[in-house]
Amino acid sequence: MSRPLRPVPDTDKTLPGTSPPPYDHEPVERPGPDPDTDGEPLET
């Protein structure tokens, strides 16, 4: 806490092999009633 940290660049550079998976823009299936199904139970 004595020496100041280097300024963080606007673009976060992730180390090789540690990059997060690409964000999925597709709808994610989540349990429970869905607004699109009017609260109907999901068929399993």
Protein backbone atom coordinates (compact mmCIF):
# COMPACT_ATOMS: atom_id res chain seq x y z
CA MET A 1 0.00 0.00 0.00
CA SER A 2 3.10 2.18 0.05
CA ARG A 3 3.96 2.46 -3.62
CA PRO A 4 1.21 3.58 -6.02
CA LEU A 5 -0.14 1.07 -8.51
CA ARG A 6 0.41 1.56 -12.20
CA PRO A 7 -2.53 3.13 -14.04
CA VAL A 8 -4.77 0.47 -15.52
CA PRO A 9 -5.11 0.75 -19.31
CA ASP A 10 -8.57 1.17 -20.80
CA THR A 11 -8.23 -2.21 -22.50
CA ASP A 12 -7.73 -5.00 -20.00
CA LYS A 13 -5.03 -7.29 -21.35
CA THR A 14 -5.71 -10.82 -20.15
CA LEU A 15 -2.88 -13.31 -19.86
CA PRO A 16 -2.74 -16.05 -22.51
CA GLY A 17 -4.93 -18.96 -21.54
CA THR A 18 -6.91 -16.95 -19.02
CA SER A 19 -9.19 -15.11 -21.42
CA PRO A 20 -12.87 -15.54 -20.52
CA PRO A 21 -15.11 -17.42 -22.96
CA PRO A 22 -16.92 -15.30 -25.56
CA TYR A 23 -20.18 -13.87 -24.28
CA ASP A 24 -23.21 -15.78 -25.55
CA HIS A 25 -25.92 -13.44 -26.77
CA GLU A 26 -28.34 -16.34 -27.16
CA PRO A 27 -31.05 -16.64 -24.50
CA VAL A 28 -29.97 -18.80 -21.58
CA GLU A 29 -32.36 -21.53 -20.43
CA ARG A 30 -33.18 -20.78 -16.81
CA PRO A 31 -35.39 -22.86 -14.52
CA GLY A 32 -38.74 -21.60 -13.32
CA PRO A 33 -41.66 -19.97 -15.14
CA ASP A 34 -40.64 -17.81 -18.08
CA PRO A 35 -42.51 -14.59 -18.97
CA ASP A 36 -42.76 -15.84 -22.56
CA THR A 37 -44.61 -18.98 -21.46
CA ASP A 38 -47.13 -17.20 -19.24
CA GLY A 39 -45.77 -19.08 -16.22
CA GLU A 40 -46.47 -22.50 -17.69
CA PRO A 41 -44.24 -25.28 -16.29
CA LEU A 42 -41.36 -26.31 -18.55
CA GLU A 43 -41.77 -29.68 -20.23
CA THR A 44 -39.02 -32.05 -19.12
